[in-house]
């Protein structure tokens, strides 16, 4: 992540850098949210499968 930040800082002006940083933060948050939701669905399904046996 640090390498990406340094790369963006060297290639973009301040306004574009902050826009890119905001976009990346939103992408990370969305990815974490989807991962959490998928994990919750998997865990619920696994629980049902284990207790059904």
N, C-alpha and C. Protein backbone atom coordinates (compact mmCIF):
# COMPACT_ATOMS: atom_id res chain seq x y z
N UNK A 1 0.84 -1.19 0.00
CA UNK A 1 0.00 0.00 0.00
C UNK A 1 0.88 1.25 0.00
N UNK A 2 1.95 1.19 0.78
CA UNK A 2 2.85 2.34 0.87
C UNK A 2 3.47 2.63 -0.51
N UNK A 3 3.81 1.58 -1.25
CA UNK A 3 4.39 1.76 -2.59
C UNK A 3 3.38 2.43 -3.52
N UNK A 4 2.13 2.02 -3.43
CA UNK A 4 1.09 2.62 -4.26
C UNK A 4 0.90 4.09 -3.92
N UNK A 5 0.89 4.41 -2.64
CA UNK A 5 0.75 5.81 -2.22
C UNK A 5 1.90 6.66 -2.77
N UNK A 6 3.11 6.15 -2.66
CA UNK A 6 4.27 6.91 -3.15
C UNK A 6 4.20 7.08 -4.67
N UNK A 7 3.79 6.03 -5.36
CA UNK A 7 3.65 6.10 -6.81
C UNK A 7 2.63 7.16 -7.21
N UNK A 8 1.47 7.13 -6.56
CA UNK A 8 0.41 8.09 -6.88
C UNK A 8 0.85 9.51 -6.57
N UNK A 9 1.53 9.69 -5.44
CA UNK A 9 2.01 11.03 -5.08
C UNK A 9 2.98 11.57 -6.12
N UNK A 10 3.80 10.68 -6.67
CA UNK A 10 4.81 11.13 -7.64
C UNK A 10 4.20 11.40 -9.02
N UNK A 11 3.06 10.79 -9.32
CA UNK A 11 2.48 10.91 -10.66
C UNK A 11 1.31 11.88 -10.76
N UNK A 12 0.66 12.17 -9.63
CA UNK A 12 -0.56 12.98 -9.66
C UNK A 12 -0.36 14.30 -8.92
N UNK A 13 -1.14 15.30 -9.32
CA UNK A 13 -1.15 16.53 -8.54
C UNK A 13 -1.96 16.29 -7.27
N UNK A 14 -1.92 17.23 -6.36
CA UNK A 14 -2.54 17.03 -5.03
C UNK A 14 -4.03 16.71 -5.13
N UNK A 15 -4.75 17.44 -5.95
CA UNK A 15 -6.20 17.20 -6.06
C UNK A 15 -6.50 15.82 -6.61
N UNK A 16 -5.79 15.43 -7.66
CA UNK A 16 -6.00 14.10 -8.25
C UNK A 16 -5.57 12.99 -7.30
N UNK A 17 -4.51 13.25 -6.53
CA UNK A 17 -4.05 12.26 -5.56
C UNK A 17 -5.14 12.01 -4.51
N UNK A 18 -5.72 13.08 -3.98
CA UNK A 18 -6.75 12.91 -2.96
C UNK A 18 -7.99 12.23 -3.53
N UNK A 19 -8.31 12.53 -4.79
CA UNK A 19 -9.44 11.85 -5.45
C UNK A 19 -9.15 10.37 -5.59
N UNK A 20 -7.94 10.03 -6.04
CA UNK A 20 -7.55 8.63 -6.20
C UNK A 20 -7.54 7.91 -4.85
N UNK A 21 -7.06 8.60 -3.82
CA UNK A 21 -7.03 8.01 -2.48
C UNK A 21 -8.44 7.72 -1.98
N UNK A 22 -9.34 8.65 -2.21
CA UNK A 22 -10.74 8.46 -1.81
C UNK A 22 -11.38 7.29 -2.56
N UNK A 23 -11.10 7.21 -3.85
CA UNK A 23 -11.64 6.11 -4.66
C UNK A 23 -11.10 4.76 -4.17
N UNK A 24 -9.82 4.70 -3.86
CA UNK A 24 -9.23 3.46 -3.36
C UNK A 24 -9.81 3.08 -2.00
N UNK A 25 -9.99 4.06 -1.12
CA UNK A 25 -10.58 3.78 0.18
C UNK A 25 -12.00 3.25 0.04
N UNK A 26 -12.76 3.81 -0.89
CA UNK A 26 -14.12 3.32 -1.13
C UNK A 26 -14.10 1.89 -1.67
N UNK A 27 -13.16 1.61 -2.56
CA UNK A 27 -13.03 0.27 -3.12
C UNK A 27 -12.67 -0.74 -2.04
N UNK A 28 -11.74 -0.37 -1.17
CA UNK A 28 -11.34 -1.25 -0.08
C UNK A 28 -12.52 -1.51 0.85
N UNK A 29 -13.26 -0.47 1.19
CA UNK A 29 -14.43 -0.63 2.08
C UNK A 29 -15.48 -1.54 1.44
N UNK A 30 -15.72 -1.35 0.15
CA UNK A 30 -16.70 -2.18 -0.56
C UNK A 30 -16.24 -3.64 -0.61
N UNK A 31 -14.96 -3.86 -0.85
CA UNK A 31 -14.42 -5.22 -0.90
C UNK A 31 -14.52 -5.90 0.47
N UNK A 32 -14.20 -5.16 1.52
CA UNK A 32 -14.31 -5.71 2.87
C UNK A 32 -15.76 -6.04 3.21
N UNK A 33 -16.68 -5.17 2.81
CA UNK A 33 -18.10 -5.39 3.08
C UNK A 33 -18.60 -6.64 2.36
N UNK A 34 -18.23 -6.78 1.10
CA UNK A 34 -18.66 -7.96 0.33
C UNK A 34 -18.03 -9.23 0.89
N UNK A 35 -16.77 -9.14 1.32
CA UNK A 35 -16.11 -10.30 1.91
C UNK A 35 -16.78 -10.71 3.21
N UNK A 36 -17.14 -9.73 4.03
CA UNK A 36 -17.82 -10.03 5.28
C UNK A 36 -19.17 -10.69 5.01
N UNK A 37 -19.92 -10.14 4.06
CA UNK A 37 -21.24 -10.69 3.73
C UNK A 37 -21.11 -12.12 3.21
N UNK A 38 -20.13 -12.35 2.36
CA UNK A 38 -19.93 -13.70 1.82
C UNK A 38 -19.54 -14.66 2.93
N UNK A 39 -18.69 -14.21 3.84
CA UNK A 39 -18.29 -15.05 4.97
C UNK A 39 -19.46 -15.38 5.88
N UNK A 40 -20.33 -14.40 6.10
CA UNK A 40 -21.50 -14.63 6.93
C UNK A 40 -22.44 -15.64 6.29
N UNK A 41 -22.64 -15.53 4.99
CA UNK A 41 -23.50 -16.50 4.28
C UNK A 41 -22.90 -17.89 4.35
N UNK A 42 -21.59 -17.99 4.13
CA UNK A 42 -20.92 -19.28 4.18
C UNK A 42 -21.04 -19.90 5.57
N UNK A 43 -20.79 -19.10 6.59
CA UNK A 43 -20.84 -19.60 7.97
C UNK A 43 -22.25 -20.06 8.32
N UNK A 44 -23.26 -19.30 7.91
CA UNK A 44 -24.65 -19.70 8.18
C UNK A 44 -24.98 -21.01 7.47
N UNK A 45 -24.56 -21.12 6.22
CA UNK A 45 -24.81 -22.35 5.46
C UNK A 45 -24.08 -23.54 6.05
N UNK A 46 -22.86 -23.30 6.49
CA UNK A 46 -22.08 -24.37 7.10
C UNK A 46 -22.73 -24.84 8.41
N UNK A 47 -23.21 -23.88 9.20
CA UNK A 47 -23.89 -24.22 10.45
C UNK A 47 -25.12 -25.07 10.19
N UNK A 48 -25.91 -24.67 9.20
CA UNK A 48 -27.12 -25.46 8.88
C UNK A 48 -26.74 -26.85 8.43
N UNK A 49 -25.70 -26.96 7.61
CA UNK A 49 -25.28 -28.25 7.09
C UNK A 49 -24.77 -29.15 8.23
N UNK A 50 -24.02 -28.59 9.15
CA UNK A 50 -23.48 -29.38 10.25
C UNK A 50 -24.56 -29.85 11.20
N UNK A 51 -25.52 -28.98 11.49
CA UNK A 51 -26.57 -29.36 12.42
C UNK A 51 -27.63 -30.26 11.77
N UNK A 52 -27.68 -30.29 10.45
CA UNK A 52 -28.64 -31.14 9.76
C UNK A 52 -28.21 -32.61 9.80
N UNK A 53 -26.93 -32.83 9.97
CA UNK A 53 -26.43 -34.22 9.95
C UNK A 53 -26.62 -34.94 11.23
